[in-house]
């Protein structure tokens, strides 16, 4: 698989109908969300726990964006984000409160077809899961095919703060881009040696 290095990496605002996927390594403080779970939320709605990533999801790795996020923590106030020109090379941290973040379009398998969403969050566990997936598909097939994966469990990773649970995204196969995921723009592609880490 080849990787792009343009400012616009194919993400289309609005192409996901405002759905956002989030990985939760820990349970919520109020007990409404269990540890090692996923949630899916529509714009302005309350996140709902979902098991759809265990059923399967197509991950649009060529449209991956990575950068820095600054969040106020206030409900209803979106975080400020600064995206890197290259998703595999981070720009310098803008300030001490900025956290690394990722954004990647996905298509979730449901009983009624594919549901487009964006997996977007500032999470060490999410970045690790995507980096594991990227390494698994390097050179595995046509550069235009996308990985179909399913979440099969978690693996514990030690961090400076103690540790976190990284979702395991098992590669099922590479598939043609589904219609629900916008086609990324034409661009020059560069070859990577596979040693760069998203995180």
N, C-alpha and C. Protein backbone atom coordinates (compact mmCIF):
# COMPACT_ATOMS: atom_id res chain seq x y z
N UNK A 1 0.85 -1.18 0.00
CA UNK A 1 0.00 0.00 0.00
C UNK A 1 0.89 1.23 0.00
N UNK A 2 0.52 2.23 -0.78
CA UNK A 2 1.28 3.47 -0.84
C UNK A 2 0.54 4.53 -0.04
N UNK A 3 1.27 5.58 0.32
CA UNK A 3 0.67 6.60 1.17
C UNK A 3 0.81 7.97 0.54
N UNK A 4 -0.15 8.84 0.77
CA UNK A 4 -0.13 10.19 0.23
C UNK A 4 0.50 11.14 1.22
N UNK A 5 0.92 12.30 0.71
CA UNK A 5 1.49 13.31 1.60
C UNK A 5 1.04 14.69 1.15
N UNK A 6 -0.26 14.88 1.01
CA UNK A 6 -0.81 16.16 0.62
C UNK A 6 -1.62 16.75 1.76
N UNK A 7 -1.82 18.08 1.77
CA UNK A 7 -2.65 18.67 2.80
C UNK A 7 -4.06 18.09 2.81
N UNK A 8 -4.66 17.87 1.64
CA UNK A 8 -5.99 17.27 1.57
C UNK A 8 -5.83 15.79 1.30
N UNK A 9 -6.10 14.98 2.30
CA UNK A 9 -5.89 13.55 2.16
C UNK A 9 -7.18 12.80 1.87
N UNK A 10 -8.20 13.50 1.36
CA UNK A 10 -9.39 12.81 0.90
C UNK A 10 -10.56 12.84 1.84
N UNK A 11 -10.40 13.37 3.03
CA UNK A 11 -11.52 13.43 3.96
C UNK A 11 -12.52 14.46 3.46
N UNK A 12 -13.77 14.11 3.44
CA UNK A 12 -14.81 15.01 2.95
C UNK A 12 -15.74 15.37 4.09
N UNK A 13 -15.78 16.64 4.48
CA UNK A 13 -16.74 17.07 5.50
C UNK A 13 -18.13 16.78 4.99
N UNK A 14 -18.95 16.20 5.82
CA UNK A 14 -20.33 15.92 5.44
C UNK A 14 -20.52 14.59 4.76
N UNK A 15 -19.42 13.92 4.35
CA UNK A 15 -19.58 12.66 3.63
C UNK A 15 -20.00 11.54 4.56
N UNK A 16 -19.97 11.75 5.85
CA UNK A 16 -20.30 10.71 6.80
C UNK A 16 -21.67 10.92 7.44
N UNK A 17 -22.42 11.87 6.96
CA UNK A 17 -23.72 12.22 7.55
C UNK A 17 -23.57 12.58 9.03
N UNK A 18 -22.40 13.09 9.42
CA UNK A 18 -22.20 13.55 10.79
C UNK A 18 -22.15 12.46 11.83
N UNK A 19 -21.67 11.27 11.48
CA UNK A 19 -21.52 10.18 12.45
C UNK A 19 -20.06 10.06 12.86
N UNK A 20 -19.84 9.85 14.17
CA UNK A 20 -18.48 9.77 14.68
C UNK A 20 -18.32 8.53 15.55
N UNK A 21 -17.27 7.78 15.26
CA UNK A 21 -16.94 6.55 15.99
C UNK A 21 -15.84 6.87 16.99
N UNK A 22 -15.96 6.33 18.21
CA UNK A 22 -14.97 6.57 19.26
C UNK A 22 -14.67 5.28 20.00
N UNK A 23 -13.39 5.08 20.29
CA UNK A 23 -12.94 3.94 21.10
C UNK A 23 -12.78 4.41 22.55
N UNK A 24 -13.28 3.60 23.49
CA UNK A 24 -13.21 3.94 24.92
C UNK A 24 -12.43 2.86 25.66
N UNK A 25 -11.13 3.11 25.95
CA UNK A 25 -10.34 2.12 26.69
C UNK A 25 -10.83 1.94 28.13
N UNK A 26 -11.37 3.02 28.72
CA UNK A 26 -11.80 2.99 30.12
C UNK A 26 -13.31 3.22 30.22
N UNK A 27 -13.87 2.77 31.32
CA UNK A 27 -15.29 3.03 31.59
C UNK A 27 -15.48 4.51 31.91
N UNK A 28 -16.67 5.01 31.64
CA UNK A 28 -16.97 6.41 31.98
C UNK A 28 -17.15 6.54 33.50
N UNK A 29 -16.89 7.70 34.02
CA UNK A 29 -17.00 7.93 35.46
C UNK A 29 -18.42 7.76 35.97
N UNK A 30 -19.41 8.08 35.11
CA UNK A 30 -20.80 7.96 35.56
C UNK A 30 -21.37 6.55 35.36
N UNK A 31 -20.55 5.65 34.83
CA UNK A 31 -20.98 4.26 34.69
C UNK A 31 -21.85 3.96 33.49
N UNK A 32 -22.07 4.96 32.62
CA UNK A 32 -22.94 4.74 31.46
C UNK A 32 -22.22 4.06 30.29
N UNK A 33 -20.89 4.02 30.34
CA UNK A 33 -20.12 3.40 29.26
C UNK A 33 -19.11 2.44 29.86
N UNK A 34 -19.08 1.23 29.35
CA UNK A 34 -18.15 0.23 29.87
C UNK A 34 -16.76 0.40 29.25
N UNK A 35 -15.76 -0.14 29.94
CA UNK A 35 -14.39 -0.12 29.42
C UNK A 35 -14.30 -1.01 28.19
N UNK A 36 -13.34 -0.71 27.32
CA UNK A 36 -13.07 -1.48 26.10
C UNK A 36 -14.33 -1.57 25.24
N UNK A 37 -14.89 -0.41 24.93
CA UNK A 37 -16.12 -0.37 24.13
C UNK A 37 -16.01 0.72 23.06
N UNK A 38 -16.91 0.64 22.11
CA UNK A 38 -17.03 1.64 21.04
C UNK A 38 -18.33 2.40 21.22
N UNK A 39 -18.34 3.65 20.75
CA UNK A 39 -19.60 4.38 20.68
C UNK A 39 -19.72 5.03 19.31
N UNK A 40 -20.96 5.25 18.92
CA UNK A 40 -21.26 5.92 17.65
C UNK A 40 -22.21 7.06 17.98
N UNK A 41 -21.91 8.24 17.45
CA UNK A 41 -22.72 9.41 17.75
C UNK A 41 -22.97 10.19 16.47
N UNK A 42 -24.18 10.69 16.34
CA UNK A 42 -24.50 11.62 15.27
C UNK A 42 -24.28 13.03 15.79
N UNK A 43 -24.06 13.97 14.89
CA UNK A 43 -23.81 15.35 15.29
C UNK A 43 -24.89 15.84 16.25
N UNK A 44 -24.47 16.33 17.42
CA UNK A 44 -25.39 16.88 18.40
C UNK A 44 -26.12 15.86 19.24
N UNK A 45 -25.90 14.58 19.00
CA UNK A 45 -26.60 13.53 19.76
C UNK A 45 -25.69 12.94 20.83
N UNK A 46 -26.30 12.20 21.73
CA UNK A 46 -25.56 11.51 22.78
C UNK A 46 -24.93 10.24 22.19
N UNK A 47 -23.66 9.96 22.48
CA UNK A 47 -23.04 8.74 21.95
C UNK A 47 -23.76 7.49 22.46
N UNK A 48 -23.90 6.51 21.58
CA UNK A 48 -24.51 5.24 21.95
C UNK A 48 -23.50 4.13 21.75
N UNK A 49 -23.42 3.21 22.72
CA UNK A 49 -22.51 2.08 22.61
C UNK A 49 -22.89 1.25 21.38
N UNK A 50 -21.85 0.79 20.65
CA UNK A 50 -22.09 -0.01 19.46
C UNK A 50 -21.09 -1.16 19.39
N UNK A 51 -21.54 -2.27 18.85
CA UNK A 51 -20.68 -3.43 18.61
C UNK A 51 -20.36 -3.58 17.13
N UNK A 52 -20.73 -2.59 16.31
CA UNK A 52 -20.54 -2.71 14.87
C UNK A 52 -19.09 -2.98 14.45
N UNK A 53 -18.06 -2.40 15.11
CA UNK A 53 -16.69 -2.73 14.68
C UNK A 53 -16.35 -4.22 14.83
N UNK A 54 -17.05 -4.94 15.70
CA UNK A 54 -16.83 -6.39 15.81
C UNK A 54 -17.45 -7.13 14.63
N UNK A 55 -18.48 -6.53 14.00
CA UNK A 55 -19.09 -7.12 12.81
C UNK A 55 -18.22 -6.91 11.59
N UNK A 56 -17.49 -5.82 11.57
CA UNK A 56 -16.62 -5.50 10.46
C UNK A 56 -16.74 -4.04 10.06
N UNK A 57 -15.61 -3.48 9.64
CA UNK A 57 -15.64 -2.11 9.11
C UNK A 57 -14.50 -1.95 8.11
N UNK A 58 -14.79 -1.15 7.09
CA UNK A 58 -13.79 -0.79 6.08
C UNK A 58 -13.13 0.50 6.55
N UNK A 59 -11.80 0.50 6.59
CA UNK A 59 -11.05 1.66 7.08
C UNK A 59 -10.35 2.32 5.89
N UNK A 60 -10.62 3.60 5.68
CA UNK A 60 -10.08 4.34 4.54
C UNK A 60 -8.69 4.89 4.90
N UNK A 61 -7.71 3.99 4.99
CA UNK A 61 -6.36 4.40 5.38
C UNK A 61 -5.74 5.47 4.48
N UNK A 62 -5.98 5.47 3.15
CA UNK A 62 -5.39 6.53 2.33
C UNK A 62 -5.91 7.93 2.70
N UNK A 63 -7.04 8.00 3.38
CA UNK A 63 -7.59 9.30 3.79
C UNK A 63 -7.28 9.65 5.24
N UNK A 64 -6.42 8.86 5.87
CA UNK A 64 -6.04 9.11 7.26
C UNK A 64 -5.43 10.51 7.41
N UNK A 65 -5.86 11.22 8.45
CA UNK A 65 -5.24 12.48 8.84
C UNK A 65 -4.77 12.34 10.27
N UNK A 66 -3.66 12.98 10.58
CA UNK A 66 -3.14 13.01 11.94
C UNK A 66 -2.67 14.42 12.24
N UNK A 67 -2.75 14.80 13.49
CA UNK A 67 -2.34 16.14 13.86
C UNK A 67 -2.43 16.36 15.36
N UNK A 68 -2.77 17.59 15.73
CA UNK A 68 -2.83 17.99 17.13
C UNK A 68 -4.21 18.53 17.46
N UNK A 69 -4.67 18.26 18.68
CA UNK A 69 -6.00 18.70 19.11
C UNK A 69 -5.89 19.42 20.44
N UNK A 70 -6.62 20.53 20.55
CA UNK A 70 -6.74 21.26 21.80
C UNK A 70 -8.21 21.33 22.17
N UNK A 71 -8.57 20.73 23.29
CA UNK A 71 -9.97 20.67 23.71
C UNK A 71 -10.17 21.45 25.00
N UNK A 72 -11.27 22.22 25.03
CA UNK A 72 -11.60 22.96 26.24
C UNK A 72 -12.26 22.05 27.28
N UNK A 73 -12.80 20.91 26.82
CA UNK A 73 -13.50 20.00 27.71
C UNK A 73 -14.93 20.41 27.98
N UNK A 74 -15.36 21.52 27.38
CA UNK A 74 -16.74 21.99 27.58
C UNK A 74 -17.67 21.31 26.59
N UNK A 75 -18.79 20.77 27.06
CA UNK A 75 -19.75 20.13 26.17
C UNK A 75 -20.25 21.10 25.10
N UNK A 76 -20.33 20.60 23.88
CA UNK A 76 -20.84 21.41 22.78
C UNK A 76 -19.82 22.32 22.13
N UNK A 77 -18.60 22.38 22.68
CA UNK A 77 -17.55 23.21 22.10
C UNK A 77 -16.55 22.30 21.40
N UNK A 78 -16.50 22.34 20.07
CA UNK A 78 -15.60 21.44 19.36
C UNK A 78 -14.15 21.78 19.62
N UNK A 79 -13.28 20.78 19.61
CA UNK A 79 -11.85 21.04 19.82
C UNK A 79 -11.25 21.76 18.62
N UNK A 80 -10.16 22.45 18.85
CA UNK A 80 -9.38 23.03 17.77
C UNK A 80 -8.40 21.97 17.29
N UNK A 81 -8.26 21.83 15.96
CA UNK A 81 -7.34 20.82 15.41
C UNK A 81 -6.42 21.45 14.39
N UNK A 82 -5.20 20.97 14.37
CA UNK A 82 -4.21 21.35 13.36
C UNK A 82 -3.68 20.06 12.75
N UNK A 83 -3.98 19.88 11.45
CA UNK A 83 -3.61 18.64 10.78
C UNK A 83 -2.21 18.74 10.18
N UNK A 84 -1.46 17.65 10.25
CA UNK A 84 -0.14 17.57 9.63
C UNK A 84 -0.29 17.49 8.11
N UNK A 85 0.70 17.96 7.39
CA UNK A 85 0.69 17.80 5.94
C UNK A 85 0.86 16.33 5.56
N UNK A 86 1.61 15.61 6.35
CA UNK A 86 1.86 14.18 6.12
C UNK A 86 1.36 13.44 7.36
N UNK A 87 0.44 12.46 7.20
CA UNK A 87 -0.11 11.80 8.38
C UNK A 87 0.89 10.94 9.15
N UNK A 88 2.07 10.72 8.59
CA UNK A 88 3.05 9.87 9.27
C UNK A 88 4.21 10.66 9.85
N UNK A 89 4.13 11.99 9.76
CA UNK A 89 5.16 12.84 10.34
C UNK A 89 4.48 13.98 11.09
N UNK A 90 4.65 14.03 12.40
CA UNK A 90 3.99 15.06 13.20
C UNK A 90 4.77 16.36 13.17
N UNK A 91 4.01 17.46 13.02
CA UNK A 91 4.58 18.79 13.18
C UNK A 91 4.89 18.99 14.67
N UNK A 92 5.70 19.97 15.02
CA UNK A 92 5.98 20.22 16.44
C UNK A 92 4.68 20.50 17.21
N UNK A 93 4.65 20.08 18.46
CA UNK A 93 3.48 20.30 19.31
C UNK A 93 3.22 21.80 19.45
N UNK A 94 2.00 22.27 19.13
CA UNK A 94 1.72 23.71 19.19
C UNK A 94 1.79 24.31 20.59
N UNK A 95 1.55 23.50 21.61
CA UNK A 95 1.57 23.98 22.99
C UNK A 95 1.45 22.81 23.94
N UNK A 96 1.65 23.04 25.24
CA UNK A 96 1.70 21.93 26.20
C UNK A 96 0.37 21.19 26.36
N UNK A 97 -0.76 21.81 26.07
CA UNK A 97 -2.06 21.16 26.27
C UNK A 97 -2.59 20.48 25.01
N UNK A 98 -1.82 20.52 23.92
CA UNK A 98 -2.26 19.90 22.67
C UNK A 98 -1.94 18.41 22.71
N UNK A 99 -2.90 17.59 22.21
CA UNK A 99 -2.72 16.14 22.18
C UNK A 99 -2.76 15.65 20.74
N UNK A 100 -2.03 14.58 20.46
CA UNK A 100 -2.04 13.99 19.13
C UNK A 100 -3.42 13.41 18.83
N UNK A 101 -3.88 13.60 17.60
CA UNK A 101 -5.20 13.09 17.22
C UNK A 101 -5.16 12.49 15.82
N UNK A 102 -6.17 11.70 15.52
CA UNK A 102 -6.31 11.07 14.21
C UNK A 102 -7.73 11.28 13.71
N UNK A 103 -7.90 11.15 12.39
CA UNK A 103 -9.21 11.18 11.77
C UNK A 103 -9.16 10.29 10.55
N UNK A 104 -10.07 9.32 10.48
CA UNK A 104 -10.10 8.42 9.32
C UNK A 104 -11.54 8.01 9.04
N UNK A 105 -12.00 8.14 7.78
CA UNK A 105 -13.33 7.68 7.43
C UNK A 105 -13.41 6.15 7.52
N UNK A 106 -14.55 5.65 7.97
CA UNK A 106 -14.79 4.21 8.03
C UNK A 106 -16.20 3.92 7.53
N UNK A 107 -16.42 2.66 7.15
CA UNK A 107 -17.75 2.20 6.77
C UNK A 107 -18.05 0.97 7.63
N UNK A 108 -19.04 1.07 8.49
CA UNK A 108 -19.37 0.02 9.46
C UNK A 108 -20.43 -0.91 8.88
N UNK A 109 -20.20 -2.23 9.04
CA UNK A 109 -21.17 -3.22 8.57
C UNK A 109 -22.32 -3.32 9.57
N UNK A 110 -23.53 -3.16 9.06
CA UNK A 110 -24.72 -3.35 9.88
C UNK A 110 -25.67 -4.27 9.14
N UNK A 111 -26.75 -4.63 9.78
CA UNK A 111 -27.73 -5.51 9.14
C UNK A 111 -28.35 -4.92 7.90
N UNK A 112 -28.33 -3.59 7.79
CA UNK A 112 -28.98 -2.93 6.65
C UNK A 112 -27.97 -2.38 5.64
N UNK A 113 -26.72 -2.74 5.75
CA UNK A 113 -25.70 -2.26 4.81
C UNK A 113 -24.57 -1.55 5.52
N UNK A 114 -23.86 -0.72 4.76
CA UNK A 114 -22.72 -0.01 5.31
C UNK A 114 -23.13 1.37 5.84
N UNK A 115 -22.62 1.70 7.02
CA UNK A 115 -22.89 2.98 7.66
C UNK A 115 -21.60 3.79 7.65
N UNK A 116 -21.55 4.93 6.94
CA UNK A 116 -20.34 5.74 6.95
C UNK A 116 -20.20 6.52 8.25
N UNK A 117 -18.99 6.68 8.70
CA UNK A 117 -18.70 7.44 9.92
C UNK A 117 -17.26 7.92 9.85
N UNK A 118 -16.86 8.70 10.83
CA UNK A 118 -15.47 9.13 10.96
C UNK A 118 -14.98 8.69 12.33
N UNK A 119 -13.87 7.98 12.34
CA UNK A 119 -13.21 7.63 13.60
C UNK A 119 -12.23 8.78 13.85
N UNK A 120 -12.58 9.64 14.80
CA UNK A 120 -11.79 10.85 15.03
C UNK A 120 -11.67 11.07 16.53
N UNK A 121 -10.42 11.04 17.03
CA UNK A 121 -10.22 11.28 18.46
C UNK A 121 -8.75 11.48 18.77
N UNK A 122 -8.51 12.10 19.92
CA UNK A 122 -7.16 12.26 20.46
C UNK A 122 -6.94 11.13 21.45
N UNK A 123 -6.37 10.03 20.98
CA UNK A 123 -6.27 8.83 21.80
C UNK A 123 -5.03 8.03 21.42
N UNK A 124 -4.18 7.76 22.41
CA UNK A 124 -2.99 6.92 22.20
C UNK A 124 -3.41 5.54 21.72
N UNK A 125 -4.47 4.98 22.30
CA UNK A 125 -4.93 3.64 21.93
C UNK A 125 -5.42 3.60 20.48
N UNK A 126 -6.17 4.63 20.07
CA UNK A 126 -6.67 4.68 18.69
C UNK A 126 -5.51 4.78 17.71
N UNK A 127 -4.53 5.63 18.00
CA UNK A 127 -3.38 5.78 17.10
C UNK A 127 -2.61 4.47 17.00
N UNK A 128 -2.44 3.78 18.11
CA UNK A 128 -1.73 2.50 18.09
C UNK A 128 -2.45 1.47 17.24
N UNK A 129 -3.78 1.41 17.38
CA UNK A 129 -4.56 0.45 16.61
C UNK A 129 -4.43 0.71 15.11
N UNK A 130 -4.50 1.97 14.71
CA UNK A 130 -4.37 2.31 13.29
C UNK A 130 -2.96 2.06 12.78
N UNK A 131 -1.95 2.29 13.61
CA UNK A 131 -0.58 2.02 13.19
C UNK A 131 -0.37 0.51 13.02
N UNK A 132 -0.93 -0.30 13.92
CA UNK A 132 -0.85 -1.76 13.76
C UNK A 132 -1.50 -2.19 12.45
N UNK A 133 -2.66 -1.60 12.14
CA UNK A 133 -3.37 -1.95 10.91
C UNK A 133 -2.57 -1.53 9.69
N UNK A 134 -2.03 -0.33 9.71
CA UNK A 134 -1.24 0.16 8.58
C UNK A 134 -0.08 -0.78 8.29
N UNK A 135 0.61 -1.22 9.31
CA UNK A 135 1.74 -2.15 9.12
C UNK A 135 1.27 -3.50 8.58
N UNK A 136 0.07 -3.94 8.99
CA UNK A 136 -0.45 -5.23 8.53
C UNK A 136 -0.79 -5.23 7.05
N UNK A 137 -1.17 -4.07 6.50
CA UNK A 137 -1.58 -4.03 5.09
C UNK A 137 -0.50 -3.54 4.15
N UNK A 138 0.65 -3.10 4.66
CA UNK A 138 1.73 -2.64 3.78
C UNK A 138 2.11 -3.74 2.80
N UNK A 139 1.99 -3.44 1.53
CA UNK A 139 2.37 -4.40 0.50
C UNK A 139 1.45 -5.58 0.36
N UNK A 140 0.27 -5.54 0.99
CA UNK A 140 -0.62 -6.71 0.99
C UNK A 140 -1.50 -6.80 -0.25
N UNK A 141 -1.59 -5.73 -1.03
CA UNK A 141 -2.47 -5.78 -2.19
C UNK A 141 -2.44 -4.51 -2.98
N UNK A 142 -3.44 -4.32 -3.82
CA UNK A 142 -3.55 -3.14 -4.65
C UNK A 142 -3.64 -1.89 -3.78
N UNK A 143 -2.96 -0.84 -4.19
CA UNK A 143 -2.93 0.39 -3.39
C UNK A 143 -4.29 1.06 -3.28
N UNK A 144 -5.22 0.74 -4.18
CA UNK A 144 -6.55 1.35 -4.13
C UNK A 144 -7.53 0.57 -3.25
N UNK A 145 -7.17 -0.65 -2.86
CA UNK A 145 -8.05 -1.44 -2.00
C UNK A 145 -7.93 -0.97 -0.56
N UNK A 146 -9.01 -1.17 0.19
CA UNK A 146 -9.07 -0.74 1.59
C UNK A 146 -9.21 -1.96 2.49
N UNK A 147 -8.67 -1.88 3.72
CA UNK A 147 -8.78 -3.02 4.64
C UNK A 147 -10.18 -3.16 5.24
N UNK A 148 -10.70 -4.36 5.16
CA UNK A 148 -11.91 -4.75 5.89
C UNK A 148 -11.42 -5.43 7.15
N UNK A 149 -11.80 -4.90 8.31
CA UNK A 149 -11.30 -5.40 9.58
C UNK A 149 -12.46 -5.69 10.52
N UNK A 150 -12.15 -6.38 11.60
CA UNK A 150 -13.12 -6.49 12.69
C UNK A 150 -12.35 -6.40 13.99
N UNK A 151 -12.98 -5.82 14.99
CA UNK A 151 -12.36 -5.69 16.31
C UNK A 151 -12.57 -7.00 17.05
N UNK A 152 -11.47 -7.68 17.36
CA UNK A 152 -11.55 -9.01 17.98
C UNK A 152 -11.17 -9.03 19.45
N UNK A 153 -10.82 -7.88 19.99
CA UNK A 153 -10.41 -7.84 21.40
C UNK A 153 -9.52 -6.65 21.64
N UNK A 154 -8.71 -6.73 22.68
CA UNK A 154 -7.80 -5.63 23.02
C UNK A 154 -6.45 -6.20 23.44
N UNK A 155 -5.46 -5.33 23.45
CA UNK A 155 -4.15 -5.67 24.00
C UNK A 155 -3.73 -4.55 24.93
N UNK A 156 -3.11 -4.91 26.02
CA UNK A 156 -2.69 -3.94 27.03
C UNK A 156 -1.35 -3.33 26.62
N UNK A 157 -1.26 -2.01 26.67
CA UNK A 157 -0.02 -1.29 26.35
C UNK A 157 0.32 -0.39 27.52
N UNK A 158 1.55 -0.48 27.99
CA UNK A 158 2.00 0.36 29.09
C UNK A 158 2.26 1.78 28.58
N UNK A 159 1.84 2.75 29.36
CA UNK A 159 2.05 4.16 29.04
C UNK A 159 2.64 4.85 30.26
N UNK A 160 3.01 6.11 30.07
CA UNK A 160 3.55 6.88 31.20
C UNK A 160 2.52 7.00 32.31
N UNK A 161 1.24 6.99 31.96
CA UNK A 161 0.17 7.11 32.95
C UNK A 161 -0.29 5.79 33.53
N UNK A 162 0.35 4.69 33.17
CA UNK A 162 -0.02 3.38 33.70
C UNK A 162 -0.27 2.36 32.61
N UNK A 163 -1.21 2.63 31.73
CA UNK A 163 -1.49 1.69 30.65
C UNK A 163 -2.83 1.99 30.00
N UNK A 164 -3.05 1.39 28.85
CA UNK A 164 -4.30 1.56 28.13
C UNK A 164 -4.62 0.30 27.35
N UNK A 165 -5.85 0.19 26.89
CA UNK A 165 -6.31 -0.95 26.10
C UNK A 165 -6.43 -0.53 24.64
N UNK A 166 -5.63 -1.17 23.79
CA UNK A 166 -5.63 -0.88 22.36
C UNK A 166 -6.54 -1.88 21.66
N UNK A 167 -7.50 -1.41 20.83
CA UNK A 167 -8.35 -2.37 20.12
C UNK A 167 -7.55 -3.13 19.07
N UNK A 168 -7.80 -4.43 18.98
CA UNK A 168 -7.15 -5.26 17.97
C UNK A 168 -8.04 -5.28 16.74
N UNK A 169 -7.53 -4.76 15.63
CA UNK A 169 -8.27 -4.73 14.37
C UNK A 169 -7.73 -5.82 13.46
N UNK A 170 -8.42 -6.95 13.44
CA UNK A 170 -7.99 -8.09 12.64
C UNK A 170 -8.31 -7.83 11.17
N UNK A 171 -7.29 -7.95 10.32
CA UNK A 171 -7.47 -7.77 8.89
C UNK A 171 -8.16 -9.01 8.31
N UNK A 172 -9.35 -8.81 7.76
CA UNK A 172 -10.08 -9.90 7.12
C UNK A 172 -9.60 -10.05 5.68
N UNK A 173 -9.65 -8.94 4.94
CA UNK A 173 -9.17 -8.93 3.55
C UNK A 173 -9.17 -7.49 3.06
N UNK A 174 -8.58 -7.27 1.90
CA UNK A 174 -8.63 -5.97 1.25
C UNK A 174 -9.80 -5.98 0.27
N UNK A 175 -10.53 -4.86 0.22
CA UNK A 175 -11.73 -4.78 -0.61
C UNK A 175 -11.70 -3.51 -1.45
N UNK A 176 -12.49 -3.50 -2.50
CA UNK A 176 -12.64 -2.28 -3.30
C UNK A 176 -13.33 -1.22 -2.45
N UNK A 177 -13.03 0.04 -2.75
CA UNK A 177 -13.62 1.15 -2.00
C UNK A 177 -15.15 1.11 -2.12
N UNK A 178 -15.87 1.06 -0.98
CA UNK A 178 -17.33 1.08 -1.06
C UNK A 178 -17.85 2.46 -1.46
N UNK A 179 -19.03 2.48 -2.05
CA UNK A 179 -19.61 3.73 -2.53
C UNK A 179 -19.85 4.74 -1.41
N UNK A 180 -20.04 4.27 -0.17
CA UNK A 180 -20.35 5.20 0.92
C UNK A 180 -19.13 6.00 1.38
N UNK A 181 -17.93 5.61 0.94
CA UNK A 181 -16.72 6.37 1.27
C UNK A 181 -16.31 7.19 0.07
N UNK A 182 -16.19 8.51 0.25
CA UNK A 182 -15.82 9.40 -0.85
C UNK A 182 -14.45 9.02 -1.39
N UNK A 183 -14.30 9.09 -2.70
CA UNK A 183 -13.01 8.81 -3.32
C UNK A 183 -12.03 9.92 -2.99
N UNK A 184 -10.82 9.57 -2.53
CA UNK A 184 -9.84 10.63 -2.26
C UNK A 184 -9.42 11.30 -3.56
N UNK A 185 -8.92 12.53 -3.49
CA UNK A 185 -8.51 13.23 -4.71
C UNK A 185 -7.31 12.57 -5.36
N UNK A 186 -7.13 12.83 -6.66
CA UNK A 186 -5.94 12.33 -7.35
C UNK A 186 -4.74 13.06 -6.75
N UNK A 187 -3.68 12.34 -6.55
CA UNK A 187 -2.50 12.97 -5.97
C UNK A 187 -1.28 12.11 -6.26
N UNK A 188 -0.15 12.69 -6.05
CA UNK A 188 1.08 11.91 -6.17
C UNK A 188 1.20 11.08 -4.91
N UNK A 189 1.72 9.88 -5.07
CA UNK A 189 1.89 8.99 -3.94
C UNK A 189 3.38 8.73 -3.75
N UNK A 190 3.80 8.63 -2.51
CA UNK A 190 5.19 8.29 -2.27
C UNK A 190 5.26 6.95 -1.56
N UNK A 191 6.34 6.24 -1.76
CA UNK A 191 6.52 4.94 -1.11
C UNK A 191 7.13 5.15 0.26
N UNK A 192 6.62 4.38 1.22
CA UNK A 192 7.14 4.44 2.58
C UNK A 192 7.81 3.11 2.89
N UNK A 193 8.80 3.13 3.76
CA UNK A 193 9.49 1.89 4.10
C UNK A 193 8.78 1.13 5.21
N UNK A 194 7.72 1.71 5.77
CA UNK A 194 6.95 1.01 6.80
C UNK A 194 7.46 1.18 8.21
N UNK A 195 8.54 1.92 8.37
CA UNK A 195 9.12 2.05 9.71
C UNK A 195 8.60 3.28 10.46
N UNK A 196 7.89 4.18 9.76
CA UNK A 196 7.35 5.35 10.44
C UNK A 196 6.16 4.94 11.29
N UNK A 197 6.01 5.54 12.44
CA UNK A 197 4.87 5.25 13.32
C UNK A 197 3.92 6.42 13.31
N UNK A 198 2.61 6.11 13.27
CA UNK A 198 1.60 7.15 13.37
C UNK A 198 1.69 7.80 14.74
N UNK A 199 1.96 6.99 15.76
CA UNK A 199 2.02 7.54 17.11
C UNK A 199 3.42 7.97 17.37
